[in-house]
Full PDB file with SEQRES, HELIX, SHEET, SSBOND, CRYST1, ORIGX, SCALE, CONECT and MASTER records, all heavy atoms in Angstrom:
SEQRES   1 A   36  THR GLU ASP ILE PHE ALA ARG LYS VAL GLY LYS ALA ILE          
SEQRES   2 A   36  ALA LYS GLY ASN PHE VAL ILE LYS GLY SER GLY LYS SER          
SEQRES   3 A   36  GLY SER ILE PHE PHE ASP LYS PRO GLY GLN                      
HELIX    1 AA1 GLU A    2  LYS A   15  1                                  14    
CRYST1    1.000    1.000    1.000  90.00  90.00  90.00 P 1           1          
ORIGX1      1.000000  0.000000  0.000000        0.00000                         
ORIGX2      0.000000  1.000000  0.000000        0.00000                         
ORIGX3      0.000000  0.000000  1.000000        0.00000                         
SCALE1      1.000000  0.000000  0.000000        0.00000                         
SCALE2      0.000000  1.000000  0.000000        0.00000                         
SCALE3      0.000000  0.000000  1.000000        0.00000                         
ATOM      1  N   THR A   1     -26.946   7.804  -4.401  1.00  0.00           N  
ATOM      2  CA  THR A   1     -27.141   6.428  -4.830  1.00  0.00           C  
ATOM      3  C   THR A   1     -25.842   5.744  -5.081  1.00  0.00           C  
ATOM      4  O   THR A   1     -25.501   4.584  -4.687  1.00  0.00           O  
ATOM      5  CB  THR A   1     -27.983   6.325  -6.148  1.00  0.00           C  
ATOM      6  OG1 THR A   1     -29.200   6.976  -5.939  1.00  0.00           O  
ATOM      7  CG2 THR A   1     -28.238   4.863  -6.495  1.00  0.00           C  
ATOM      8  N   GLU A   2     -24.874   6.361  -5.800  1.00  0.00           N  
ATOM      9  CA  GLU A   2     -23.557   5.795  -5.978  1.00  0.00           C  
ATOM     10  C   GLU A   2     -22.772   5.609  -4.711  1.00  0.00           C  
ATOM     11  O   GLU A   2     -22.114   4.556  -4.469  1.00  0.00           O  
ATOM     12  CB  GLU A   2     -22.775   6.658  -6.999  1.00  0.00           C  
ATOM     13  CG  GLU A   2     -23.303   6.780  -8.360  1.00  0.00           C  
ATOM     14  CD  GLU A   2     -22.645   7.660  -9.318  1.00  0.00           C  
ATOM     15  OE1 GLU A   2     -22.136   8.702  -8.762  1.00  0.00           O  
ATOM     16  OE2 GLU A   2     -22.760   7.581 -10.523  1.00  0.00           O  
ATOM     17  N   ASP A   3     -22.948   6.666  -3.826  1.00  0.00           N  
ATOM     18  CA  ASP A   3     -22.276   6.536  -2.479  1.00  0.00           C  
ATOM     19  C   ASP A   3     -22.751   5.362  -1.743  1.00  0.00           C  
ATOM     20  O   ASP A   3     -21.888   4.628  -1.006  1.00  0.00           O  
ATOM     21  CB  ASP A   3     -22.637   7.865  -1.803  1.00  0.00           C  
ATOM     22  CG  ASP A   3     -21.903   7.876  -0.338  1.00  0.00           C  
ATOM     23  OD1 ASP A   3     -20.758   8.167  -0.328  1.00  0.00           O  
ATOM     24  OD2 ASP A   3     -22.609   7.585   0.663  1.00  0.00           O  
ATOM     25  N   ILE A   4     -24.077   5.119  -1.664  1.00  0.00           N  
ATOM     26  CA  ILE A   4     -24.567   3.904  -0.850  1.00  0.00           C  
ATOM     27  C   ILE A   4     -24.104   2.648  -1.394  1.00  0.00           C  
ATOM     28  O   ILE A   4     -23.756   1.691  -0.709  1.00  0.00           O  
ATOM     29  CB  ILE A   4     -26.133   4.037  -0.650  1.00  0.00           C  
ATOM     30  CG1 ILE A   4     -26.561   3.139   0.518  1.00  0.00           C  
ATOM     31  CG2 ILE A   4     -26.814   3.592  -1.938  1.00  0.00           C  
ATOM     32  CD1 ILE A   4     -26.153   3.797   1.858  1.00  0.00           C  
ATOM     33  N   PHE A   5     -24.007   2.531  -2.705  1.00  0.00           N  
ATOM     34  CA  PHE A   5     -23.451   1.298  -3.302  1.00  0.00           C  
ATOM     35  C   PHE A   5     -21.999   1.169  -2.906  1.00  0.00           C  
ATOM     36  O   PHE A   5     -21.500   0.079  -2.589  1.00  0.00           O  
ATOM     37  CB  PHE A   5     -23.644   1.285  -4.763  1.00  0.00           C  
ATOM     38  CG  PHE A   5     -24.928   0.790  -5.297  1.00  0.00           C  
ATOM     39  CD1 PHE A   5     -25.997   1.589  -5.574  1.00  0.00           C  
ATOM     40  CD2 PHE A   5     -25.180  -0.625  -5.476  1.00  0.00           C  
ATOM     41  CE1 PHE A   5     -27.314   1.082  -6.008  1.00  0.00           C  
ATOM     42  CE2 PHE A   5     -26.310  -1.162  -5.921  1.00  0.00           C  
ATOM     43  CZ  PHE A   5     -27.444  -0.319  -6.107  1.00  0.00           C  
ATOM     44  N   ALA A   6     -21.195   2.319  -3.040  1.00  0.00           N  
ATOM     45  CA  ALA A   6     -19.789   2.231  -2.682  1.00  0.00           C  
ATOM     46  C   ALA A   6     -19.583   1.800  -1.213  1.00  0.00           C  
ATOM     47  O   ALA A   6     -18.606   1.014  -0.949  1.00  0.00           O  
ATOM     48  CB  ALA A   6     -19.211   3.630  -2.993  1.00  0.00           C  
ATOM     49  N   ARG A   7     -20.427   2.221  -0.311  1.00  0.00           N  
ATOM     50  CA  ARG A   7     -20.275   1.841   1.119  1.00  0.00           C  
ATOM     51  C   ARG A   7     -20.490   0.346   1.200  1.00  0.00           C  
ATOM     52  O   ARG A   7     -19.733  -0.299   1.942  1.00  0.00           O  
ATOM     53  CB  ARG A   7     -21.314   2.682   1.979  1.00  0.00           C  
ATOM     54  CG  ARG A   7     -20.896   4.126   2.040  1.00  0.00           C  
ATOM     55  CD  ARG A   7     -21.919   5.014   2.859  1.00  0.00           C  
ATOM     56  NE  ARG A   7     -21.500   6.418   2.695  1.00  0.00           N  
ATOM     57  CZ  ARG A   7     -20.517   7.081   3.248  1.00  0.00           C  
ATOM     58  NH1 ARG A   7     -19.827   6.401   4.124  1.00  0.00           N  
ATOM     59  NH2 ARG A   7     -20.281   8.344   2.987  1.00  0.00           N  
ATOM     60  N   LYS A   8     -21.470  -0.123   0.533  1.00  0.00           N  
ATOM     61  CA  LYS A   8     -21.730  -1.580   0.566  1.00  0.00           C  
ATOM     62  C   LYS A   8     -20.586  -2.450   0.003  1.00  0.00           C  
ATOM     63  O   LYS A   8     -20.228  -3.432   0.549  1.00  0.00           O  
ATOM     64  CB  LYS A   8     -23.016  -1.828  -0.170  1.00  0.00           C  
ATOM     65  CG  LYS A   8     -24.298  -1.664   0.515  1.00  0.00           C  
ATOM     66  CD  LYS A   8     -24.497  -2.684   1.650  1.00  0.00           C  
ATOM     67  CE  LYS A   8     -25.865  -2.468   2.290  1.00  0.00           C  
ATOM     68  NZ  LYS A   8     -26.095  -3.467   3.377  1.00  0.00           N  
ATOM     69  N   VAL A   9     -19.995  -1.928  -1.177  1.00  0.00           N  
ATOM     70  CA  VAL A   9     -18.952  -2.581  -1.649  1.00  0.00           C  
ATOM     71  C   VAL A   9     -17.709  -2.568  -0.783  1.00  0.00           C  
ATOM     72  O   VAL A   9     -17.022  -3.622  -0.467  1.00  0.00           O  
ATOM     73  CB  VAL A   9     -18.500  -1.989  -3.080  1.00  0.00           C  
ATOM     74  CG1 VAL A   9     -17.230  -2.744  -3.559  1.00  0.00           C  
ATOM     75  CG2 VAL A   9     -19.597  -2.293  -4.015  1.00  0.00           C  
ATOM     76  N   GLY A  10     -17.444  -1.409  -0.148  1.00  0.00           N  
ATOM     77  CA  GLY A  10     -16.296  -1.367   0.744  1.00  0.00           C  
ATOM     78  C   GLY A  10     -16.490  -2.194   2.014  1.00  0.00           C  
ATOM     79  O   GLY A  10     -15.570  -2.807   2.487  1.00  0.00           O  
ATOM     80  N   LYS A  11     -17.682  -2.318   2.542  1.00  0.00           N  
ATOM     81  CA  LYS A  11     -17.940  -3.264   3.688  1.00  0.00           C  
ATOM     82  C   LYS A  11     -17.774  -4.702   3.292  1.00  0.00           C  
ATOM     83  O   LYS A  11     -17.230  -5.512   4.048  1.00  0.00           O  
ATOM     84  CB  LYS A  11     -19.371  -3.115   4.280  1.00  0.00           C  
ATOM     85  CG  LYS A  11     -19.509  -1.739   4.945  1.00  0.00           C  
ATOM     86  CD  LYS A  11     -20.960  -1.565   5.474  1.00  0.00           C  
ATOM     87  CE  LYS A  11     -21.181  -0.250   6.212  1.00  0.00           C  
ATOM     88  NZ  LYS A  11     -22.560  -0.043   6.740  1.00  0.00           N  
ATOM     89  N   ALA A  12     -18.256  -5.026   2.049  1.00  0.00           N  
ATOM     90  CA  ALA A  12     -18.048  -6.413   1.595  1.00  0.00           C  
ATOM     91  C   ALA A  12     -16.599  -6.875   1.481  1.00  0.00           C  
ATOM     92  O   ALA A  12     -16.215  -7.983   1.817  1.00  0.00           O  
ATOM     93  CB  ALA A  12     -18.812  -6.615   0.231  1.00  0.00           C  
ATOM     94  N   ILE A  13     -15.838  -5.951   0.952  1.00  0.00           N  
ATOM     95  CA  ILE A  13     -14.385  -6.161   0.887  1.00  0.00           C  
ATOM     96  C   ILE A  13     -13.717  -6.358   2.305  1.00  0.00           C  
ATOM     97  O   ILE A  13     -12.942  -7.227   2.504  1.00  0.00           O  
ATOM     98  CB  ILE A  13     -13.707  -5.154   0.062  1.00  0.00           C  
ATOM     99  CG1 ILE A  13     -14.113  -5.217  -1.451  1.00  0.00           C  
ATOM    100  CG2 ILE A  13     -12.092  -5.250   0.069  1.00  0.00           C  
ATOM    101  CD1 ILE A  13     -13.692  -4.113  -2.292  1.00  0.00           C  
ATOM    102  N   ALA A  14     -14.163  -5.386   3.143  1.00  0.00           N  
ATOM    103  CA  ALA A  14     -13.527  -5.475   4.524  1.00  0.00           C  
ATOM    104  C   ALA A  14     -13.918  -6.708   5.222  1.00  0.00           C  
ATOM    105  O   ALA A  14     -13.099  -7.222   6.083  1.00  0.00           O  
ATOM    106  CB  ALA A  14     -14.033  -4.208   5.318  1.00  0.00           C  
ATOM    107  N   LYS A  15     -15.135  -7.272   5.038  1.00  0.00           N  
ATOM    108  CA  LYS A  15     -15.651  -8.345   5.746  1.00  0.00           C  
ATOM    109  C   LYS A  15     -15.240  -9.686   5.180  1.00  0.00           C  
ATOM    110  O   LYS A  15     -15.354 -10.760   5.691  1.00  0.00           O  
ATOM    111  CB  LYS A  15     -17.157  -8.326   5.921  1.00  0.00           C  
ATOM    112  CG  LYS A  15     -17.581  -7.225   6.848  1.00  0.00           C  
ATOM    113  CD  LYS A  15     -19.163  -7.327   7.029  1.00  0.00           C  
ATOM    114  CE  LYS A  15     -19.618  -6.196   8.008  1.00  0.00           C  
ATOM    115  NZ  LYS A  15     -21.175  -6.247   8.100  1.00  0.00           N  
ATOM    116  N   GLY A  16     -14.815  -9.574   3.778  1.00  0.00           N  
ATOM    117  CA  GLY A  16     -14.512 -10.810   2.980  1.00  0.00           C  
ATOM    118  C   GLY A  16     -13.244 -11.432   3.624  1.00  0.00           C  
ATOM    119  O   GLY A  16     -12.236 -10.839   3.775  1.00  0.00           O  
ATOM    120  N   ASN A  17     -13.307 -12.756   3.799  1.00  0.00           N  
ATOM    121  CA  ASN A  17     -12.191 -13.508   4.263  1.00  0.00           C  
ATOM    122  C   ASN A  17     -11.493 -14.248   3.104  1.00  0.00           C  
ATOM    123  O   ASN A  17     -11.571 -15.432   3.003  1.00  0.00           O  
ATOM    124  CB  ASN A  17     -12.627 -14.477   5.400  1.00  0.00           C  
ATOM    125  CG  ASN A  17     -11.479 -15.260   5.975  1.00  0.00           C  
ATOM    126  OD1 ASN A  17     -10.394 -14.735   5.995  1.00  0.00           O  
ATOM    127  ND2 ASN A  17     -11.722 -16.342   6.567  1.00  0.00           N  
ATOM    128  N   PHE A  18     -10.861 -13.387   2.236  1.00  0.00           N  
ATOM    129  CA  PHE A  18     -10.314 -13.941   1.068  1.00  0.00           C  
ATOM    130  C   PHE A  18      -8.849 -14.252   1.270  1.00  0.00           C  
ATOM    131  O   PHE A  18      -8.055 -13.367   1.543  1.00  0.00           O  
ATOM    132  CB  PHE A  18     -10.349 -13.002  -0.067  1.00  0.00           C  
ATOM    133  CG  PHE A  18     -11.874 -12.399  -0.245  1.00  0.00           C  
ATOM    134  CD1 PHE A  18     -12.036 -11.042  -0.086  1.00  0.00           C  
ATOM    135  CD2 PHE A  18     -12.892 -13.245  -0.527  1.00  0.00           C  
ATOM    136  CE1 PHE A  18     -13.323 -10.485  -0.254  1.00  0.00           C  
ATOM    137  CE2 PHE A  18     -14.170 -12.770  -0.637  1.00  0.00           C  
ATOM    138  CZ  PHE A  18     -14.344 -11.373  -0.503  1.00  0.00           C  
ATOM    139  N   VAL A  19      -8.415 -15.584   1.237  1.00  0.00           N  
ATOM    140  CA  VAL A  19      -7.085 -15.981   1.388  1.00  0.00           C  
ATOM    141  C   VAL A  19      -6.492 -16.398   0.125  1.00  0.00           C  
ATOM    142  O   VAL A  19      -6.727 -17.403  -0.423  1.00  0.00           O  
ATOM    143  CB  VAL A  19      -6.941 -17.203   2.362  1.00  0.00           C  
ATOM    144  CG1 VAL A  19      -5.560 -17.560   2.605  1.00  0.00           C  
ATOM    145  CG2 VAL A  19      -7.588 -16.809   3.763  1.00  0.00           C  
ATOM    146  N   ILE A  20      -5.723 -15.401  -0.528  1.00  0.00           N  
ATOM    147  CA  ILE A  20      -5.089 -15.629  -1.703  1.00  0.00           C  
ATOM    148  C   ILE A  20      -3.654 -15.354  -1.601  1.00  0.00           C  
ATOM    149  O   ILE A  20      -3.232 -14.314  -1.198  1.00  0.00           O  
ATOM    150  CB  ILE A  20      -5.810 -14.669  -2.844  1.00  0.00           C  
ATOM    151  CG1 ILE A  20      -7.211 -14.829  -2.900  1.00  0.00           C  
ATOM    152  CG2 ILE A  20      -4.963 -14.854  -4.042  1.00  0.00           C  
ATOM    153  CD1 ILE A  20      -8.022 -13.944  -3.782  1.00  0.00           C  
ATOM    154  N   LYS A  21      -2.834 -16.432  -1.821  1.00  0.00           N  
ATOM    155  CA  LYS A  21      -1.522 -16.350  -1.492  1.00  0.00           C  
ATOM    156  C   LYS A  21      -0.550 -15.820  -2.556  1.00  0.00           C  
ATOM    157  O   LYS A  21      -1.030 -15.817  -3.740  1.00  0.00           O  
ATOM    158  CB  LYS A  21      -0.985 -17.850  -1.121  1.00  0.00           C  
ATOM    159  CG  LYS A  21      -1.742 -18.461   0.023  1.00  0.00           C  
ATOM    160  CD  LYS A  21      -1.306 -19.894   0.127  1.00  0.00           C  
ATOM    161  CE  LYS A  21      -2.269 -20.650   1.175  1.00  0.00           C  
ATOM    162  NZ  LYS A  21      -1.925 -22.052   1.315  1.00  0.00           N  
ATOM    163  N   GLY A  22       0.557 -15.467  -2.205  1.00  0.00           N  
ATOM    164  CA  GLY A  22       1.596 -14.953  -3.223  1.00  0.00           C  
ATOM    165  C   GLY A  22       2.496 -13.948  -2.746  1.00  0.00           C  
ATOM    166  O   GLY A  22       2.400 -13.428  -1.639  1.00  0.00           O  
ATOM    167  N   SER A  23       3.459 -13.465  -3.585  1.00  0.00           N  
ATOM    168  CA  SER A  23       4.381 -12.402  -3.320  1.00  0.00           C  
ATOM    169  C   SER A  23       3.859 -10.981  -3.412  1.00  0.00           C  
ATOM    170  O   SER A  23       2.765 -10.783  -4.173  1.00  0.00           O  
ATOM    171  CB  SER A  23       5.620 -12.553  -4.265  1.00  0.00           C  
ATOM    172  OG  SER A  23       5.985 -13.869  -4.368  1.00  0.00           O  
ATOM    173  N   GLY A  24       4.471 -10.036  -2.868  1.00  0.00           N  
ATOM    174  CA  GLY A  24       4.064  -8.625  -3.003  1.00  0.00           C  
ATOM    175  C   GLY A  24       2.716  -8.417  -2.683  1.00  0.00           C  
ATOM    176  O   GLY A  24       2.131  -8.769  -1.614  1.00  0.00           O  
ATOM    177  N   LYS A  25       1.974  -7.776  -3.616  1.00  0.00           N  
ATOM    178  CA  LYS A  25       0.535  -7.364  -3.340  1.00  0.00           C  
ATOM    179  C   LYS A  25      -0.431  -8.511  -3.784  1.00  0.00           C  
ATOM    180  O   LYS A  25      -1.593  -8.256  -3.975  1.00  0.00           O  
ATOM    181  CB  LYS A  25       0.236  -6.101  -4.017  1.00  0.00           C  
ATOM    182  CG  LYS A  25       0.943  -4.896  -3.554  1.00  0.00           C  
ATOM    183  CD  LYS A  25       0.434  -3.569  -4.392  1.00  0.00           C  
ATOM    184  CE  LYS A  25       1.114  -2.312  -3.845  1.00  0.00           C  
ATOM    185  NZ  LYS A  25       2.574  -2.155  -4.175  1.00  0.00           N  
ATOM    186  N   SER A  26       0.041  -9.716  -4.010  1.00  0.00           N  
ATOM    187  CA  SER A  26      -0.777 -10.761  -4.569  1.00  0.00           C  
ATOM    188  C   SER A  26      -2.056 -11.002  -3.745  1.00  0.00           C  
ATOM    189  O   SER A  26      -2.054 -11.071  -2.504  1.00  0.00           O  
ATOM    190  CB  SER A  26      -0.052 -12.109  -4.486  1.00  0.00           C  
ATOM    191  OG  SER A  26       1.115 -12.119  -5.336  1.00  0.00           O  
ATOM    192  N   GLY A  27      -3.169 -10.920  -4.348  1.00  0.00           N  
ATOM    193  CA  GLY A  27      -4.437 -11.269  -3.758  1.00  0.00           C  
ATOM    194  C   GLY A  27      -4.987 -10.016  -2.990  1.00  0.00           C  
ATOM    195  O   GLY A  27      -6.257  -9.958  -2.486  1.00  0.00           O  
ATOM    196  N   SER A  28      -4.291  -9.003  -2.903  1.00  0.00           N  
ATOM    197  CA  SER A  28      -4.863  -7.844  -2.301  1.00  0.00           C  
ATOM    198  C   SER A  28      -5.830  -7.212  -3.077  1.00  0.00           C  
ATOM    199  O   SER A  28      -5.824  -7.035  -4.370  1.00  0.00           O  
ATOM    200  CB  SER A  28      -3.718  -6.687  -2.027  1.00  0.00           C  
ATOM    201  OG  SER A  28      -2.710  -7.206  -1.158  1.00  0.00           O  
ATOM    202  N   ILE A  29      -6.991  -6.698  -2.383  1.00  0.00           N  
ATOM    203  CA  ILE A  29      -8.136  -6.069  -3.078  1.00  0.00           C  
ATOM    204  C   ILE A  29      -8.267  -4.684  -2.578  1.00  0.00           C  
ATOM    205  O   ILE A  29      -8.445  -4.517  -1.317  1.00  0.00           O  
ATOM    206  CB  ILE A  29      -9.468  -6.880  -2.983  1.00  0.00           C  
ATOM    207  CG1 ILE A  29      -9.193  -8.280  -3.528  1.00  0.00           C  
ATOM    208  CG2 ILE A  29     -10.576  -6.179  -3.577  1.00  0.00           C  
ATOM    209  CD1 ILE A  29     -10.387  -9.269  -3.228  1.00  0.00           C  
ATOM    210  N   PHE A  30      -8.237  -3.674  -3.469  1.00  0.00           N  
ATOM    211  CA  PHE A  30      -8.255  -2.206  -3.005  1.00  0.00           C  
ATOM    212  C   PHE A  30      -9.556  -1.637  -3.589  1.00  0.00           C  
ATOM    213  O   PHE A  30      -9.932  -1.861  -4.834  1.00  0.00           O  
ATOM    214  CB  PHE A  30      -7.098  -1.551  -3.548  1.00  0.00           C  
ATOM    215  CG  PHE A  30      -5.790  -2.132  -3.022  1.00  0.00           C  
ATOM    216  CD1 PHE A  30      -5.019  -2.973  -3.776  1.00  0.00           C  
ATOM    217  CD2 PHE A  30      -5.251  -1.723  -1.763  1.00  0.00           C  
ATOM    218  CE1 PHE A  30      -3.915  -3.519  -3.341  1.00  0.00           C  
ATOM    219  CE2 PHE A  30      -4.055  -2.299  -1.459  1.00  0.00           C  
ATOM    220  CZ  PHE A  30      -3.312  -3.200  -2.194  1.00  0.00           C  
ATOM    221  N   PHE A  31     -10.220  -0.815  -2.776  1.00  0.00           N  
ATOM    222  CA  PHE A  31     -11.387  -0.142  -3.315  1.00  0.00           C  
ATOM    223  C   PHE A  31     -11.461   1.225  -2.507  1.00  0.00           C  
ATOM    224  O   PHE A  31     -11.112   1.368  -1.359  1.00  0.00           O  
ATOM    225  CB  PHE A  31     -12.651  -1.000  -2.917  1.00  0.00           C  
ATOM    226  CG  PHE A  31     -14.010  -0.309  -3.367  1.00  0.00           C  
ATOM    227  CD1 PHE A  31     -14.298  -0.303  -4.601  1.00  0.00           C  
ATOM    228  CD2 PHE A  31     -14.746   0.311  -2.388  1.00  0.00           C  
ATOM    229  CE1 PHE A  31     -15.449   0.401  -5.053  1.00  0.00           C  
ATOM    230  CE2 PHE A  31     -15.927   0.831  -2.720  1.00  0.00           C  
ATOM    231  CZ  PHE A  31     -16.280   0.910  -4.049  1.00  0.00           C  
ATOM    232  N   ASP A  32     -11.973   2.157  -3.210  1.00  0.00           N  
ATOM    233  CA  ASP A  32     -12.079   3.604  -2.679  1.00  0.00           C  
ATOM    234  C   ASP A  32     -13.285   3.720  -1.903  1.00  0.00           C  
ATOM    235  O   ASP A  32     -14.320   4.268  -2.284  1.00  0.00           O  
ATOM    236  CB  ASP A  32     -12.008   4.579  -3.810  1.00  0.00           C  
ATOM    237  CG  ASP A  32     -11.939   6.066  -3.387  1.00  0.00           C  
ATOM    238  OD1 ASP A  32     -11.459   6.176  -2.301  1.00  0.00           O  
ATOM    239  OD2 ASP A  32     -12.336   6.876  -4.184  1.00  0.00           O  
ATOM    240  N   LYS A  33     -13.207   3.246  -0.618  1.00  0.00           N  
ATOM    241  CA  LYS A  33     -14.376   3.337   0.262  1.00  0.00           C  
ATOM    242  C   LYS A  33     -14.683   4.622   0.812  1.00  0.00           C  
ATOM    243  O   LYS A  33     -13.743   5.338   1.243  1.00  0.00           O  
ATOM    244  CB  LYS A  33     -14.139   2.310   1.452  1.00  0.00           C  
ATOM    245  CG  LYS A  33     -15.239   2.287   2.456  1.00  0.00           C  
ATOM    246  CD  LYS A  33     -14.868   1.273   3.638  1.00  0.00           C  
ATOM    247  CE  LYS A  33     -16.009   1.308   4.717  1.00  0.00           C  
ATOM    248  NZ  LYS A  33     -15.691   0.510   5.731  1.00  0.00           N  
ATOM    249  N   PRO A  34     -15.884   5.120   0.804  1.00  0.00           N  
ATOM    250  CA  PRO A  34     -16.215   6.463   1.260  1.00  0.00           C  
ATOM    251  C   PRO A  34     -15.996   6.680   2.678  1.00  0.00           C  
ATOM    252  O   PRO A  34     -16.022   5.728   3.578  1.00  0.00           O  
ATOM    253  CB  PRO A  34     -17.688   6.723   0.904  1.00  0.00           C  
ATOM    254  CG  PRO A  34     -17.880   5.641  -0.134  1.00  0.00           C  
ATOM    255  CD  PRO A  34     -17.034   4.468   0.125  1.00  0.00           C  
ATOM    256  N   GLY A  35     -15.746   7.908   3.147  1.00  0.00           N  
ATOM    257  CA  GLY A  35     -15.654   8.213   4.535  1.00  0.00           C  
ATOM    258  C   GLY A  35     -16.928   8.846   5.027  1.00  0.00           C  
ATOM    259  O   GLY A  35     -18.023   8.438   4.534  1.00  0.00           O  
ATOM    260  N   GLN A  36     -16.919   9.734   5.906  1.00  0.00           N  
ATOM    261  CA  GLN A  36     -18.149  10.444   6.460  1.00  0.00           C  
ATOM    262  C   GLN A  36     -18.836  11.329   5.467  1.00  0.00           C  
ATOM    263  O   GLN A  36     -19.977  11.457   5.445  1.00  0.00           O  
ATOM    264  CB  GLN A  36     -17.781  11.100   7.771  1.00  0.00           C  
ATOM    265  CG  GLN A  36     -17.278  10.164   8.814  1.00  0.00           C  
ATOM    266  CD  GLN A  36     -18.152   9.077   9.222  1.00  0.00           C  
ATOM    267  OE1 GLN A  36     -17.988   7.942   8.796  1.00  0.00           O  
ATOM    268  NE2 GLN A  36     -19.256   9.433   9.949  1.00  0.00           N  
TER     269      GLN A  36                                                      
MASTER        0    0    0    1    0    0    0    6  268    1    0    3          
END                                                                             
């Protein structure tokens, strides 16, 4: 159950077109998306 939610969150972040400006890692969103 946790895995299927994590996959959904990972896809939402990958598909999200979030344009947040700034220096360095500004606006970057990181998530531990599952593999196979």
